[in-house]
Amino acid sequence: MELVSGKMTSKGQITIPKELRDKLGLREGDQFKFLIENDEVRIEPVKKKLLSQAIGRITTKEEINLEKIREVAHEEASKYILSEGLEHE
C-alpha cells in the first residue's frame, strides 16, 4: 500500500497527485465515487462505457440511419412531453 498525501482547498477540492493520475490513467473530467465505511473514505474512478465498446455488440442486416434514429427519438420525446403535460423550461 502506498501513502500519498494531498490537501483540500477552502472549496472542498482535492488535487490528485500527478504520479497517481498517471499510474491510474486518470484524465480531466473523469468522475469518481466516494465510498464511506466507518471513518474511512475510499475514492474510485467511475468506469465509463465507451460507445466504441457497444458498437461491436450491434448487429444488423440493414444500414443504420442515424438521422432517422434521431428523428424517431425526437418524436417519441415530444409525445412523452405532451402526454405528461411537461413544458420546455
C-alpha atoms as a PDB file:
ATOM      1  CA  MET A   1       0.000   0.000   0.000  1.00  0.00           C
ATOM      2  CA  GLU A   2       1.329   3.421  -0.959  1.00  0.00           C
ATOM      3  CA  LEU A   3       0.818   6.598   1.008  1.00  0.00           C
ATOM      4  CA  VAL A   4       0.480   9.794  -0.987  1.00  0.00           C
ATOM      5  CA  SER A   5      -0.886  12.878   0.681  1.00  0.00           C
ATOM      6  CA  GLY A   6      -2.859  15.823  -0.612  1.00  0.00           C
ATOM      7  CA  LYS A   7      -4.590  18.894   0.707  1.00  0.00           C
ATOM      8  CA  MET A   8      -8.182  20.144   0.478  1.00  0.00           C
ATOM      9  CA  THR A   9      -8.926  23.730  -0.571  1.00  0.00           C
ATOM     10  CA  SER A  10     -11.495  26.010   1.069  1.00  0.00           C
ATOM     11  CA  LYS A  11     -13.930  24.949  -1.694  1.00  0.00           C
ATOM     12  CA  GLY A  12     -13.547  21.256  -0.816  1.00  0.00           C
ATOM     13  CA  GLN A  13     -11.409  20.438  -3.850  1.00  0.00           C
ATOM     14  CA  ILE A  14      -8.632  17.884  -3.591  1.00  0.00           C
ATOM     15  CA  THR A  15      -5.803  17.621  -6.100  1.00  0.00           C
ATOM     16  CA  ILE A  16      -4.887  14.080  -7.074  1.00  0.00           C
ATOM     17  CA  PRO A  17      -1.085  13.982  -7.296  1.00  0.00           C
ATOM     18  CA  LYS A  18       0.306  13.604 -10.827  1.00  0.00           C
ATOM     19  CA  GLU A  19       2.028  10.315 -10.029  1.00  0.00           C
ATOM     20  CA  LEU A  20      -1.356   8.793  -9.053  1.00  0.00           C
ATOM     21  CA  ARG A  21      -3.155  10.275 -12.090  1.00  0.00           C
ATOM     22  CA  ASP A  22      -0.504   8.772 -14.351  1.00  0.00           C
ATOM     23  CA  LYS A  23      -0.486   5.404 -12.580  1.00  0.00           C
ATOM     24  CA  LEU A  24      -4.296   5.114 -12.732  1.00  0.00           C
ATOM     25  CA  GLY A  25      -4.717   6.659 -16.198  1.00  0.00           C
ATOM     26  CA  LEU A  26      -6.929   9.455 -14.878  1.00  0.00           C
ATOM     27  CA  ARG A  27      -7.833  12.417 -17.067  1.00  0.00           C
ATOM     28  CA  GLU A  28      -9.533  15.769 -16.679  1.00  0.00           C
ATOM     29  CA  GLY A  29     -13.299  15.319 -16.453  1.00  0.00           C
ATOM     30  CA  ASP A  30     -13.160  11.778 -15.044  1.00  0.00           C
ATOM     31  CA  GLN A  31     -15.824  11.088 -12.425  1.00  0.00           C
ATOM     32  CA  PHE A  32     -15.360   9.391  -9.069  1.00  0.00           C
ATOM     33  CA  LYS A  33     -17.461   7.652  -6.461  1.00  0.00           C
ATOM     34  CA  PHE A  34     -16.845   8.076  -2.755  1.00  0.00           C
ATOM     35  CA  LEU A  35     -17.345   5.009  -0.576  1.00  0.00           C
ATOM     36  CA  ILE A  36     -17.642   5.697   3.140  1.00  0.00           C
ATOM     37  CA  GLU A  37     -17.210   2.982   5.750  1.00  0.00           C
ATOM     38  CA  ASN A  38     -16.732   3.826   9.411  1.00  0.00           C
ATOM     39  CA  ASP A  39     -14.425   6.851   9.357  1.00  0.00           C
ATOM     40  CA  GLU A  40     -12.671   5.908   6.108  1.00  0.00           C
ATOM     41  CA  VAL A  41     -13.303   7.215   2.622  1.00  0.00           C
ATOM     42  CA  ARG A  42     -12.353   5.269  -0.488  1.00  0.00           C
ATOM     43  CA  ILE A  43     -12.344   7.100  -3.823  1.00  0.00           C
ATOM     44  CA  GLU A  44     -12.779   5.093  -7.020  1.00  0.00           C
ATOM     45  CA  PRO A  45     -12.952   6.271 -10.615  1.00  0.00           C
ATOM     46  CA  VAL A  46     -16.278   5.609 -12.330  1.00  0.00           C
ATOM     47  CA  LYS A  47     -15.718   3.292 -15.264  1.00  0.00           C
ATOM     48  CA  LYS A  48     -17.096   4.803 -18.440  1.00  0.00           C
ATOM     49  CA  LYS A  49     -18.704   2.664 -21.081  1.00  0.00           C
ATOM     50  CA  LEU A  50     -17.496   3.854 -24.440  1.00  0.00           C
ATOM     51  CA  LEU A  51     -19.747   3.831 -27.482  1.00  0.00           C
ATOM     52  CA  SER A  52     -16.951   2.033 -29.302  1.00  0.00           C
ATOM     53  CA  GLN A  53     -17.336  -0.866 -26.850  1.00  0.00           C
ATOM     54  CA  ALA A  54     -21.074  -1.099 -27.528  1.00  0.00           C
ATOM     55  CA  ILE A  55     -20.815  -0.825 -31.305  1.00  0.00           C
ATOM     56  CA  GLY A  56     -19.133  -4.194 -31.501  1.00  0.00           C
ATOM     57  CA  ARG A  57     -22.273  -5.752 -29.993  1.00  0.00           C
ATOM     58  CA  ILE A  58     -24.729  -4.265 -32.500  1.00  0.00           C
ATOM     59  CA  THR A  59     -25.559  -6.465 -35.449  1.00  0.00           C
ATOM     60  CA  THR A  60     -27.991  -5.692 -38.227  1.00  0.00           C
ATOM     61  CA  LYS A  61     -28.569  -6.658 -41.826  1.00  0.00           C
ATOM     62  CA  GLU A  62     -29.799  -3.162 -42.640  1.00  0.00           C
ATOM     63  CA  GLU A  63     -27.820   0.052 -42.856  1.00  0.00           C
ATOM     64  CA  ILE A  64     -28.087   2.142 -39.681  1.00  0.00           C
ATOM     65  CA  ASN A  65     -29.577   5.568 -40.444  1.00  0.00           C
ATOM     66  CA  LEU A  66     -28.557   7.821 -37.539  1.00  0.00           C
ATOM     67  CA  GLU A  67     -30.649  10.733 -38.815  1.00  0.00           C
ATOM     68  CA  LYS A  68     -33.771   8.507 -38.770  1.00  0.00           C
ATOM     69  CA  ILE A  69     -32.904   7.312 -35.251  1.00  0.00           C
ATOM     70  CA  ARG A  70     -32.619  10.950 -34.082  1.00  0.00           C
ATOM     71  CA  GLU A  71     -35.917  11.808 -35.767  1.00  0.00           C
ATOM     72  CA  VAL A  72     -37.763   8.913 -34.115  1.00  0.00           C
ATOM     73  CA  ALA A  73     -36.205   9.691 -30.713  1.00  0.00           C
ATOM     74  CA  HIS A  74     -37.273  13.338 -31.058  1.00  0.00           C
ATOM     75  CA  GLU A  75     -40.833  12.335 -31.998  1.00  0.00           C
ATOM     76  CA  GLU A  76     -41.084   9.922 -29.074  1.00  0.00           C
ATOM     77  CA  ALA A  77     -39.703  12.505 -26.643  1.00  0.00           C
ATOM     78  CA  SER A  78     -42.235  15.050 -27.943  1.00  0.00           C
ATOM     79  CA  LYS A  79     -45.105  12.578 -27.468  1.00  0.00           C
ATOM     80  CA  TYR A  80     -43.926  11.862 -23.923  1.00  0.00           C
ATOM     81  CA  ILE A  81     -43.644  15.551 -23.056  1.00  0.00           C
ATOM     82  CA  LEU A  82     -47.152  16.240 -24.408  1.00  0.00           C
ATOM     83  CA  SER A  83     -48.670  13.207 -22.666  1.00  0.00           C
ATOM     84  CA  GLU A  84     -47.119  14.183 -19.308  1.00  0.00           C
ATOM     85  CA  GLY A  85     -48.067  17.841 -19.652  1.00  0.00           C
ATOM     86  CA  LEU A  86     -44.434  18.867 -19.285  1.00  0.00           C
ATOM     87  CA  GLU A  87     -43.291  22.224 -20.564  1.00  0.00           C
ATOM     88  CA  HIS A  88     -39.981  23.328 -22.000  1.00  0.00           C
ATOM     89  CA  GLU A  89     -38.068  25.458 -19.485  1.00  0.00           C
END
